Amino acid sequence: MSVNLFLLLGMGGMVGFLSGMFGVGGGFLMTPLLIFIGVPPAVAVGTEANQIVAASLSGVIAHWRRGNVDIKMGTVLVAGGLLGSAVGTIIFRMLREIGQIESVISMAFVLFLGIVGTVMLIESGRVMLRRFSGGGPRKKARRHYWVHGLPLKMRFPRSRLYISSLLPLGMGFLVGVLAAIMGVGGGFFLIPAMIYILGMPTAVAVGTSLFQIIFVTASVTVLHAVNNYTVDIFLAFILLSGAVVGAQLGSSAGAKLRGEQLRGLLAILVLAVGAGMAGTLILQPDDIYSVIRITQ
């Protein structure tokens, strides 16, 4: 297929900007966009994982300079993410073989984006309303869930946390599975979890999320290329060319916004993409039937 070069560069730059601003890989936006312009979902997933690596690396460099990367936390997340990416790639191949990968990708986007976007929008909206009414951000005592009683606790000085290593390990595993199946970095899920469950500061959660995304999506790219042959190198190169520049600009823009403002904007974006994917499942397509050639 042929696609306008400047359209792809613009998409890469826009997603890179969002990556640097919000600390997400941008796959939750780029993968649906590639599908919308006609790229096969399986190729969109495998190729976007490649592009996310460059966008995240550019964003991490900017956040590293500000001291917003928790290396110890990121290492634990990466360990879980590498295992999850291997498992997710196997699931991806099984779904593709039975012809259900396109439906699963679309439904997974609608489900995860809808839940995460709604929770983030409600929370950030409450904080901004309190600030607007003159009450200022309410400082709550850090919540303790049953997961905080898990064993194998570790200290994470940069994040000011003393929690079970099983928590970030499990989060990393889930993000690895999502990255392999949906072609996303997982930041749209990981950042809210790091903020609301682990209790990490927003700025550190953003930088650490990007650090983790680099290694997980690199693993996903290699696994998809070797096992599923769904990585379009030329397409990925064009996308990441725009993403690297956009990530630097986005990081600078994100530093000028408060934590609740960043979460609110990210929530709106997440819900908008989720609604777009839901439309592809509900609305009748222009071409109801597709014709394929079956070779013996």
C-alpha atoms as a PDB file:
ATOM      1  CA  MET A   1       0.000   0.000   0.000  1.00  0.00           C
ATOM      2  CA  SER A   2       1.048   3.636  -0.456  1.00  0.00           C
ATOM      3  CA  VAL A   3       0.682   6.352   2.184  1.00  0.00           C
ATOM      4  CA  ASN A   4       1.568  10.053   2.016  1.00  0.00           C
ATOM      5  CA  LEU A   5       5.057  10.595   3.487  1.00  0.00           C
ATOM      6  CA  PHE A   6       4.189  13.878   5.188  1.00  0.00           C
ATOM      7  CA  LEU A   7       1.105  12.307   6.779  1.00  0.00           C
ATOM      8  CA  LEU A   8       3.275   9.635   8.397  1.00  0.00           C
ATOM      9  CA  LEU A   9       5.886  12.184   9.527  1.00  0.00           C
ATOM     10  CA  GLY A  10       3.139  14.344  11.032  1.00  0.00           C
ATOM     11  CA  MET A  11       1.616  11.355  12.840  1.00  0.00           C
ATOM     12  CA  GLY A  12       5.032  10.389  14.204  1.00  0.00           C
ATOM     13  CA  GLY A  13       5.751  13.926  15.394  1.00  0.00           C
ATOM     14  CA  MET A  14       2.356  14.267  17.072  1.00  0.00           C
ATOM     15  CA  VAL A  15       2.660  10.950  18.889  1.00  0.00           C
ATOM     16  CA  GLY A  16       6.248  11.744  19.897  1.00  0.00           C
ATOM     17  CA  PHE A  17       5.056  15.053  21.356  1.00  0.00           C
ATOM     18  CA  LEU A  18       2.435  13.219  23.434  1.00  0.00           C
ATOM     19  CA  SER A  19       5.044  10.653  24.484  1.00  0.00           C
ATOM     20  CA  GLY A  20       7.344  13.315  25.890  1.00  0.00           C
ATOM     21  CA  MET A  21       4.508  15.246  27.552  1.00  0.00           C
ATOM     22  CA  PHE A  22       2.599  12.389  29.190  1.00  0.00           C
ATOM     23  CA  GLY A  23       5.245   9.681  29.558  1.00  0.00           C
ATOM     24  CA  VAL A  24       3.406   7.227  27.325  1.00  0.00           C
ATOM     25  CA  GLY A  25       4.833   5.353  24.377  1.00  0.00           C
ATOM     26  CA  GLY A  26       2.063   6.691  22.143  1.00  0.00           C
ATOM     27  CA  GLY A  27       1.087   3.285  20.795  1.00  0.00           C
ATOM     28  CA  PHE A  28      -2.448   3.619  22.157  1.00  0.00           C
ATOM     29  CA  LEU A  29      -2.869   6.484  19.678  1.00  0.00           C
ATOM     30  CA  MET A  30      -0.585   5.519  16.786  1.00  0.00           C
ATOM     31  CA  THR A  31      -1.768   1.920  16.406  1.00  0.00           C
ATOM     32  CA  PRO A  32      -5.440   2.951  15.917  1.00  0.00           C
ATOM     33  CA  LEU A  33      -4.335   5.748  13.552  1.00  0.00           C
ATOM     34  CA  LEU A  34      -2.369   3.299  11.411  1.00  0.00           C
ATOM     35  CA  ILE A  35      -5.383   0.992  11.308  1.00  0.00           C
ATOM     36  CA  PHE A  36      -7.636   3.919  10.355  1.00  0.00           C
ATOM     37  CA  ILE A  37      -5.447   4.770   7.314  1.00  0.00           C
ATOM     38  CA  GLY A  38      -5.531   1.168   6.109  1.00  0.00           C
ATOM     39  CA  VAL A  39      -2.466  -0.544   7.602  1.00  0.00           C
ATOM     40  CA  PRO A  40      -3.318  -4.169   8.537  1.00  0.00           C
ATOM     41  CA  PRO A  41      -3.758  -4.440  12.357  1.00  0.00           C
ATOM     42  CA  ALA A  42      -1.091  -7.129  12.741  1.00  0.00           C
ATOM     43  CA  VAL A  43       1.477  -4.978  10.903  1.00  0.00           C
ATOM     44  CA  ALA A  44       0.374  -1.859  12.809  1.00  0.00           C
ATOM     45  CA  VAL A  45       1.005  -3.624  16.128  1.00  0.00           C
ATOM     46  CA  GLY A  46       4.429  -5.005  15.219  1.00  0.00           C
ATOM     47  CA  THR A  47       5.642  -1.822  13.521  1.00  0.00           C
ATOM     48  CA  GLU A  48       4.380   0.578  16.178  1.00  0.00           C
ATOM     49  CA  ALA A  49       6.326  -1.288  18.873  1.00  0.00           C
ATOM     50  CA  ASN A  50       9.461  -0.404  16.902  1.00  0.00           C
ATOM     51  CA  GLN A  51       8.545   3.277  16.660  1.00  0.00           C
ATOM     52  CA  ILE A  52       7.769   3.484  20.377  1.00  0.00           C
ATOM     53  CA  VAL A  53      11.369   2.546  21.218  1.00  0.00           C
ATOM     54  CA  ALA A  54      12.767   5.682  19.584  1.00  0.00           C
ATOM     55  CA  ALA A  55      10.057   8.002  20.896  1.00  0.00           C
ATOM     56  CA  SER A  56      10.475   6.708  24.456  1.00  0.00           C
ATOM     57  CA  LEU A  57      14.277   6.913  24.329  1.00  0.00           C
ATOM     58  CA  SER A  58      14.099  10.546  23.260  1.00  0.00           C
ATOM     59  CA  GLY A  59      11.622  11.291  26.058  1.00  0.00           C
ATOM     60  CA  VAL A  60      13.707   9.495  28.712  1.00  0.00           C
ATOM     61  CA  ILE A  61      16.767  11.590  27.898  1.00  0.00           C
ATOM     62  CA  ALA A  62      14.782  14.757  28.585  1.00  0.00           C
ATOM     63  CA  HIS A  63      13.296  13.419  31.847  1.00  0.00           C
ATOM     64  CA  TRP A  64      16.668  12.028  32.979  1.00  0.00           C
ATOM     65  CA  ARG A  65      18.107  15.521  32.932  1.00  0.00           C
ATOM     66  CA  ARG A  66      15.370  16.610  35.354  1.00  0.00           C
ATOM     67  CA  GLY A  67      15.955  13.657  37.695  1.00  0.00           C
ATOM     68  CA  ASN A  68      12.544  12.122  36.990  1.00  0.00           C
ATOM     69  CA  VAL A  69      13.651   8.523  36.341  1.00  0.00           C
ATOM     70  CA  ASP A  70      13.660   5.880  39.098  1.00  0.00           C
ATOM     71  CA  ILE A  71      16.176   3.356  37.732  1.00  0.00           C
ATOM     72  CA  LYS A  72      15.577   0.770  40.450  1.00  0.00           C
ATOM     73  CA  MET A  73      11.804   0.822  39.971  1.00  0.00           C
ATOM     74  CA  GLY A  74      12.249   0.797  36.202  1.00  0.00           C
ATOM     75  CA  THR A  75      14.501  -2.262  36.361  1.00  0.00           C
ATOM     76  CA  VAL A  76      11.878  -4.272  38.252  1.00  0.00           C
ATOM     77  CA  LEU A  77       9.202  -3.168  35.776  1.00  0.00           C
ATOM     78  CA  VAL A  78      11.421  -4.182  32.855  1.00  0.00           C
ATOM     79  CA  ALA A  79      11.978  -7.662  34.328  1.00  0.00           C
ATOM     80  CA  GLY A  80       8.234  -8.263  34.452  1.00  0.00           C
ATOM     81  CA  GLY A  81       7.725  -6.612  31.060  1.00  0.00           C
ATOM     82  CA  LEU A  82      10.197  -8.865  29.244  1.00  0.00           C
ATOM     83  CA  LEU A  83       8.433 -11.965  30.522  1.00  0.00           C
ATOM     84  CA  GLY A  84       5.030 -10.511  29.662  1.00  0.00           C
ATOM     85  CA  SER A  85       6.113  -9.588  26.131  1.00  0.00           C
ATOM     86  CA  ALA A  86       7.183 -13.179  25.461  1.00  0.00           C
ATOM     87  CA  VAL A  87       3.829 -14.502  26.686  1.00  0.00           C
ATOM     88  CA  GLY A  88       1.911 -11.826  24.762  1.00  0.00           C
ATOM     89  CA  THR A  89       3.696 -12.651  21.511  1.00  0.00           C
ATOM     90  CA  ILE A  90       2.642 -16.287  21.832  1.00  0.00           C
ATOM     91  CA  ILE A  91      -0.982 -15.233  22.452  1.00  0.00           C
ATOM     92  CA  PHE A  92      -0.788 -12.840  19.469  1.00  0.00           C
ATOM     93  CA  ARG A  93       0.375 -15.635  17.164  1.00  0.00           C
ATOM     94  CA  MET A  94      -2.383 -17.990  18.357  1.00  0.00           C
ATOM     95  CA  LEU A  95      -5.081 -15.354  17.805  1.00  0.00           C
ATOM     96  CA  ARG A  96      -3.698 -14.542  14.359  1.00  0.00           C
ATOM     97  CA  GLU A  97      -3.725 -18.189  13.327  1.00  0.00           C
ATOM     98  CA  ILE A  98      -7.434 -18.541  14.193  1.00  0.00           C
ATOM     99  CA  GLY A  99      -8.286 -15.257  12.476  1.00  0.00           C
ATOM    100  CA  GLN A 100      -9.396 -13.296  15.552  1.00  0.00           C
ATOM    101  CA  ILE A 101      -6.520 -10.886  16.073  1.00  0.00           C
ATOM    102  CA  GLU A 102      -8.228  -7.838  14.511  1.00  0.00           C
ATOM    103  CA  SER A 103     -11.335  -8.165  16.696  1.00  0.00           C
ATOM    104  CA  VAL A 104      -9.286  -8.782  19.843  1.00  0.00           C
ATOM    105  CA  ILE A 105      -7.073  -5.740  19.215  1.00  0.00           C
ATOM    106  CA  SER A 106     -10.081  -3.444  18.722  1.00  0.00           C
ATOM    107  CA  MET A 107     -11.995  -4.756  21.749  1.00  0.00           C
ATOM    108  CA  ALA A 108      -8.897  -4.575  23.951  1.00  0.00           C
ATOM    109  CA  PHE A 109      -8.405  -0.923  23.009  1.00  0.00           C
ATOM    110  CA  VAL A 110     -12.024  -0.051  23.780  1.00  0.00           C
ATOM    111  CA  LEU A 111     -11.986  -1.865  27.136  1.00  0.00           C
ATOM    112  CA  PHE A 112      -8.672  -0.633  28.540  1.00  0.00           C
ATOM    113  CA  LEU A 113      -8.863   2.907  27.189  1.00  0.00           C
ATOM    114  CA  GLY A 114     -12.432   3.333  28.415  1.00  0.00           C
ATOM    115  CA  ILE A 115     -11.699   2.173  31.976  1.00  0.00           C
ATOM    116  CA  VAL A 116      -8.369   3.964  32.405  1.00  0.00           C
ATOM    117  CA  GLY A 117      -9.546   7.190  30.773  1.00  0.00           C
ATOM    118  CA  THR A 118     -12.690   7.405  32.909  1.00  0.00           C
ATOM    119  CA  VAL A 119     -10.845   6.843  36.198  1.00  0.00           C
ATOM    120  CA  MET A 120      -8.152   9.397  35.363  1.00  0.00           C
ATOM    121  CA  LEU A 121     -10.673  12.008  34.185  1.00  0.00           C
ATOM    122  CA  ILE A 122     -12.747  11.736  37.369  1.00  0.00           C
ATOM    123  CA  GLU A 123      -9.713  11.997  39.659  1.00  0.00           C
ATOM    124  CA  SER A 124      -8.026  14.866  37.841  1.00  0.00           C
ATOM    125  CA  GLY A 125     -11.365  16.695  37.558  1.00  0.00           C
ATOM    126  CA  ARG A 126     -11.873  16.556  41.331  1.00  0.00           C
ATOM    127  CA  VAL A 127      -8.392  17.960  41.977  1.00  0.00           C
ATOM    128  CA  MET A 128      -8.835  20.802  39.490  1.00  0.00           C
ATOM    129  CA  LEU A 129     -12.283  21.681  40.917  1.00  0.00           C
ATOM    130  CA  ARG A 130     -10.842  21.907  44.429  1.00  0.00           C
ATOM    131  CA  ARG A 131      -8.030  24.117  43.160  1.00  0.00           C
ATOM    132  CA  PHE A 132     -10.487  26.335  41.232  1.00  0.00           C
ATOM    133  CA  SER A 133     -12.718  26.729  44.291  1.00  0.00           C
ATOM    134  CA  GLY A 134      -9.728  27.952  46.306  1.00  0.00           C
ATOM    135  CA  GLY A 135      -9.299  24.840  48.426  1.00  0.00           C
ATOM    136  CA  GLY A 136      -6.040  23.819  46.785  1.00  0.00           C
ATOM    137  CA  PRO A 137      -4.994  20.220  46.173  1.00  0.00           C
ATOM    138  CA  ARG A 138      -6.003  18.008  49.057  1.00  0.00           C
ATOM    139  CA  LYS A 139      -3.105  16.073  50.498  1.00  0.00           C
ATOM    140  CA  LYS A 140      -4.427  12.676  51.389  1.00  0.00           C
ATOM    141  CA  ALA A 141      -2.643  10.073  53.390  1.00  0.00           C
ATOM    142  CA  ARG A 142      -1.253   7.440  51.084  1.00  0.00           C
ATOM    143  CA  ARG A 143      -3.799   4.649  50.688  1.00  0.00           C
ATOM    144  CA  HIS A 144      -2.860   1.143  51.646  1.00  0.00           C
ATOM    145  CA  TYR A 145      -4.461  -1.746  49.812  1.00  0.00           C
ATOM    146  CA  TRP A 146      -4.105  -5.463  50.506  1.00  0.00           C
ATOM    147  CA  VAL A 147      -1.362  -5.611  47.856  1.00  0.00           C
ATOM    148  CA  HIS A 148       0.884  -3.501  50.067  1.00  0.00           C
ATOM    149  CA  GLY A 149       1.073  -6.420  52.493  1.00  0.00           C
ATOM    150  CA  LEU A 150       2.758  -8.682  49.937  1.00  0.00           C
ATOM    151  CA  PRO A 151       6.256 -10.065  50.736  1.00  0.00           C
ATOM    152  CA  LEU A 152       9.635  -9.337  49.106  1.00  0.00           C
ATOM    153  CA  LYS A 153       9.570  -5.632  49.944  1.00  0.00           C
ATOM    154  CA  MET A 154      12.157  -3.287  48.476  1.00  0.00           C
ATOM    155  CA  ARG A 155      13.083   0.343  49.030  1.00  0.00           C
ATOM    156  CA  PHE A 156      12.852   2.734  46.100  1.00  0.00           C
ATOM    157  CA  PRO A 157      14.535   5.930  47.383  1.00  0.00           C
ATOM    158  CA  ARG A 158      13.871   8.033  44.282  1.00  0.00           C
ATOM    159  CA  SER A 159      10.128   7.338  44.509  1.00  0.00           C
ATOM    160  CA  ARG A 160      10.151   7.437  48.317  1.00  0.00           C
ATOM    161  CA  LEU A 161       8.508   4.009  48.522  1.00  0.00           C
ATOM    162  CA  TYR A 162       8.942   0.815  50.518  1.00  0.00           C
ATOM    163  CA  ILE A 163       6.720  -1.767  48.846  1.00  0.00           C
ATOM    164  CA  SER A 164       6.669  -5.366  47.656  1.00  0.00           C
ATOM    165  CA  SER A 165       8.662  -5.907  44.480  1.00  0.00           C
ATOM    166  CA  LEU A 166       5.831  -8.188  43.315  1.00  0.00           C
ATOM    167  CA  LEU A 167       3.675  -5.107  42.637  1.00  0.00           C
ATOM    168  CA  PRO A 168       5.856  -3.452  39.961  1.00  0.00           C
ATOM    169  CA  LEU A 169       6.853  -6.904  38.684  1.00  0.00           C
ATOM    170  CA  GLY A 170       3.197  -7.793  38.077  1.00  0.00           C
ATOM    171  CA  MET A 171       2.479  -4.400  36.512  1.00  0.00           C
ATOM    172  CA  GLY A 172       5.433  -4.819  34.181  1.00  0.00           C
ATOM    173  CA  PHE A 173       4.217  -8.284  33.176  1.00  0.00           C
ATOM    174  CA  LEU A 174       0.753  -6.977  32.263  1.00  0.00           C
ATOM    175  CA  VAL A 175       2.260  -4.091  30.301  1.00  0.00           C
ATOM    176  CA  GLY A 176       4.450  -6.571  28.392  1.00  0.00           C
ATOM    177  CA  VAL A 177       1.390  -8.620  27.406  1.00  0.00           C
ATOM    178  CA  LEU A 178      -0.489  -5.486  26.319  1.00  0.00           C
ATOM    179  CA  ALA A 179       2.525  -4.273  24.319  1.00  0.00           C
ATOM    180  CA  ALA A 180       2.729  -7.539  22.377  1.00  0.00           C
ATOM    181  CA  ILE A 181      -1.004  -7.844  21.638  1.00  0.00           C
ATOM    182  CA  MET A 182      -2.011  -4.182  21.198  1.00  0.00           C
ATOM    183  CA  GLY A 183       1.220  -2.574  19.950  1.00  0.00           C
ATOM    184  CA  VAL A 184       1.303  -0.088  22.826  1.00  0.00           C
ATOM    185  CA  GLY A 185       3.943   0.921  25.328  1.00  0.00           C
ATOM    186  CA  GLY A 186       1.436   0.484  28.145  1.00  0.00           C
ATOM    187  CA  GLY A 187       1.981   3.942  29.631  1.00  0.00           C
ATOM    188  CA  PHE A 188      -1.762   4.698  29.541  1.00  0.00           C
ATOM    189  CA  PHE A 189      -2.192   1.837  32.040  1.00  0.00           C
ATOM    190  CA  LEU A 190       1.136   1.934  33.850  1.00  0.00           C
ATOM    191  CA  ILE A 191       1.218   5.633  34.792  1.00  0.00           C
ATOM    192  CA  PRO A 192      -2.186   5.626  36.581  1.00  0.00           C
ATOM    193  CA  ALA A 193      -1.203   2.387  38.353  1.00  0.00           C
ATOM    194  CA  MET A 194       2.139   3.846  39.481  1.00  0.00           C
ATOM    195  CA  ILE A 195       0.452   7.012  40.747  1.00  0.00           C
ATOM    196  CA  TYR A 196      -2.691   5.617  42.381  1.00  0.00           C
ATOM    197  CA  ILE A 197      -1.564   2.141  43.535  1.00  0.00           C
ATOM    198  CA  LEU A 198       2.161   2.513  44.167  1.00  0.00           C
ATOM    199  CA  GLY A 199       1.932   6.157  45.238  1.00  0.00           C
ATOM    200  CA  MET A 200       4.735   7.497  43.030  1.00  0.00           C
ATOM    201  CA  PRO A 201       5.010  11.259  42.297  1.00  0.00           C
ATOM    202  CA  THR A 202       3.526  12.085  38.886  1.00  0.00           C
ATOM    203  CA  ALA A 203       6.773  13.448  37.390  1.00  0.00           C
ATOM    204  CA  VAL A 204       8.778  10.383  38.468  1.00  0.00           C
ATOM    205  CA  ALA A 205       6.038   8.033  37.232  1.00  0.00           C
ATOM    206  CA  VAL A 206       6.184   9.655  33.784  1.00  0.00           C
ATOM    207  CA  GLY A 207       9.977   9.384  33.444  1.00  0.00           C
ATOM    208  CA  THR A 208      10.130   5.838  34.844  1.00  0.00           C
ATOM    209  CA  SER A 209       7.305   4.711  32.567  1.00  0.00           C
ATOM    210  CA  LEU A 210       9.266   5.848  29.515  1.00  0.00           C
ATOM    211  CA  PHE A 211      12.384   4.050  30.801  1.00  0.00           C
ATOM    212  CA  GLN A 212      10.461   0.785  31.109  1.00  0.00           C
ATOM    213  CA  ILE A 213       8.746   1.181  27.757  1.00  0.00           C
ATOM    214  CA  ILE A 214      12.077   1.299  25.885  1.00  0.00           C
ATOM    215  CA  PHE A 215      13.128  -2.209  26.851  1.00  0.00           C
ATOM    216  CA  VAL A 216       9.714  -3.855  26.678  1.00  0.00           C
ATOM    217  CA  THR A 217       8.837  -2.531  23.217  1.00  0.00           C
ATOM    218  CA  ALA A 218      12.321  -3.375  21.927  1.00  0.00           C
ATOM    219  CA  SER A 219      11.718  -6.957  23.052  1.00  0.00           C
ATOM    220  CA  VAL A 220       8.254  -6.959  21.441  1.00  0.00           C
ATOM    221  CA  THR A 221       9.701  -5.677  18.149  1.00  0.00           C
ATOM    222  CA  VAL A 222      12.283  -8.463  17.959  1.00  0.00           C
ATOM    223  CA  LEU A 223       9.768 -11.159  18.920  1.00  0.00           C
ATOM    224  CA  HIS A 224       7.204 -10.004  16.349  1.00  0.00           C
ATOM    225  CA  ALA A 225       9.836  -9.715  13.623  1.00  0.00           C
ATOM    226  CA  VAL A 226      11.215 -13.197  14.279  1.00  0.00           C
ATOM    227  CA  ASN A 227       7.992 -15.069  15.013  1.00  0.00           C
ATOM    228  CA  ASN A 228       5.204 -13.211  13.201  1.00  0.00           C
ATOM    229  CA  TYR A 229       6.984 -11.239  10.415  1.00  0.00           C
ATOM    230  CA  THR A 230       4.752  -8.202  11.058  1.00  0.00           C
ATOM    231  CA  VAL A 231       7.355  -5.411  11.357  1.00  0.00           C
ATOM    232  CA  ASP A 232       7.541  -2.960   8.438  1.00  0.00           C
ATOM    233  CA  ILE A 233      10.997  -1.408   8.871  1.00  0.00           C
ATOM    234  CA  PHE A 234      10.496   1.381   6.330  1.00  0.00           C
ATOM    235  CA  LEU A 235       7.193   2.462   7.892  1.00  0.00           C
ATOM    236  CA  ALA A 236       8.738   2.379  11.370  1.00  0.00           C
ATOM    237  CA  PHE A 237      11.701   4.509  10.256  1.00  0.00           C
ATOM    238  CA  ILE A 238       9.428   7.231   8.881  1.00  0.00           C
ATOM    239  CA  LEU A 239       7.299   7.287  12.036  1.00  0.00           C
ATOM    240  CA  LEU A 240      10.240   7.427  14.438  1.00  0.00           C
ATOM    241  CA  SER A 241      11.890  10.223  12.435  1.00  0.00           C
ATOM    242  CA  GLY A 242       9.044  12.502  13.432  1.00  0.00           C
ATOM    243  CA  ALA A 243       8.640  10.990  16.897  1.00  0.00           C
ATOM    244  CA  VAL A 244      12.185  11.745  18.088  1.00  0.00           C
ATOM    245  CA  VAL A 245      11.742  15.467  17.454  1.00  0.00           C
ATOM    246  CA  GLY A 246       8.227  15.542  18.857  1.00  0.00           C
ATOM    247  CA  ALA A 247       9.241  13.834  22.115  1.00  0.00           C
ATOM    248  CA  GLN A 248      11.738  16.574  22.978  1.00  0.00           C
ATOM    249  CA  LEU A 249       9.140  19.288  22.399  1.00  0.00           C
ATOM    250  CA  GLY A 250       6.524  17.383  24.386  1.00  0.00           C
ATOM    251  CA  SER A 251       8.826  16.939  27.372  1.00  0.00           C
ATOM    252  CA  SER A 252       9.383  20.703  27.558  1.00  0.00           C
ATOM    253  CA  ALA A 253       5.649  21.395  27.279  1.00  0.00           C
ATOM    254  CA  GLY A 254       4.795  18.837  29.971  1.00  0.00           C
ATOM    255  CA  ALA A 255       7.156  20.493  32.453  1.00  0.00           C
ATOM    256  CA  LYS A 256       4.954  23.614  32.378  1.00  0.00           C
ATOM    257  CA  LEU A 257       1.763  21.820  33.469  1.00  0.00           C
ATOM    258  CA  ARG A 258       0.625  20.588  36.889  1.00  0.00           C
ATOM    259  CA  GLY A 259       0.239  16.872  37.563  1.00  0.00           C
ATOM    260  CA  GLU A 260      -3.570  16.956  37.577  1.00  0.00           C
ATOM    261  CA  GLN A 261      -3.600  18.920  34.314  1.00  0.00           C
ATOM    262  CA  LEU A 262      -1.390  16.330  32.650  1.00  0.00           C
ATOM    263  CA  ARG A 263      -3.620  13.516  33.901  1.00  0.00           C
ATOM    264  CA  GLY A 264      -6.763  15.311  32.763  1.00  0.00           C
ATOM    265  CA  LEU A 265      -5.467  15.942  29.248  1.00  0.00           C
ATOM    266  CA  LEU A 266      -4.229  12.367  28.962  1.00  0.00           C
ATOM    267  CA  ALA A 267      -7.631  11.066  30.139  1.00  0.00           C
ATOM    268  CA  ILE A 268      -9.479  13.068  27.461  1.00  0.00           C
ATOM    269  CA  LEU A 269      -7.110  11.803  24.781  1.00  0.00           C
ATOM    270  CA  VAL A 270      -7.445   8.207  25.964  1.00  0.00           C
ATOM    271  CA  LEU A 271     -11.265   8.393  25.937  1.00  0.00           C
ATOM    272  CA  ALA A 272     -11.306   9.975  22.471  1.00  0.00           C
ATOM    273  CA  VAL A 273      -9.186   7.172  21.004  1.00  0.00           C
ATOM    274  CA  GLY A 274     -11.305   4.563  22.785  1.00  0.00           C
ATOM    275  CA  ALA A 275     -14.475   6.078  21.330  1.00  0.00           C
ATOM    276  CA  GLY A 276     -12.932   6.001  17.852  1.00  0.00           C
ATOM    277  CA  MET A 277     -12.089   2.318  18.186  1.00  0.00           C
ATOM    278  CA  ALA A 278     -15.596   1.583  19.493  1.00  0.00           C
ATOM    279  CA  GLY A 279     -16.969   3.223  16.362  1.00  0.00           C
ATOM    280  CA  THR A 280     -15.062   0.803  14.150  1.00  0.00           C
ATOM    281  CA  LEU A 281     -16.728  -2.091  15.979  1.00  0.00           C
ATOM    282  CA  ILE A 282     -20.265  -0.676  15.949  1.00  0.00           C
ATOM    283  CA  LEU A 283     -20.609   1.276  12.691  1.00  0.00           C
ATOM    284  CA  GLN A 284     -21.181  -0.571   9.436  1.00  0.00           C
ATOM    285  CA  PRO A 285     -18.059  -0.484   7.231  1.00  0.00           C
ATOM    286  CA  ASP A 286     -18.136   0.880   3.691  1.00  0.00           C
ATOM    287  CA  ASP A 287     -17.166  -2.526   2.340  1.00  0.00           C
ATOM    288  CA  ILE A 288     -19.083  -5.208   4.217  1.00  0.00           C
ATOM    289  CA  TYR A 289     -17.363  -8.092   2.467  1.00  0.00           C
ATOM    290  CA  SER A 290     -13.660  -8.665   1.914  1.00  0.00           C
ATOM    291  CA  VAL A 291     -12.161 -10.879  -0.774  1.00  0.00           C
ATOM    292  CA  ILE A 292      -8.966 -12.840  -0.201  1.00  0.00           C
ATOM    293  CA  ARG A 293      -7.115 -15.356  -2.325  1.00  0.00           C
ATOM    294  CA  ILE A 294      -6.556 -18.745  -0.724  1.00  0.00           C
ATOM    295  CA  THR A 295      -3.606 -20.670  -2.119  1.00  0.00           C
ATOM    296  CA  GLN A 296      -3.278 -24.383  -1.705  1.00  0.00           C
END
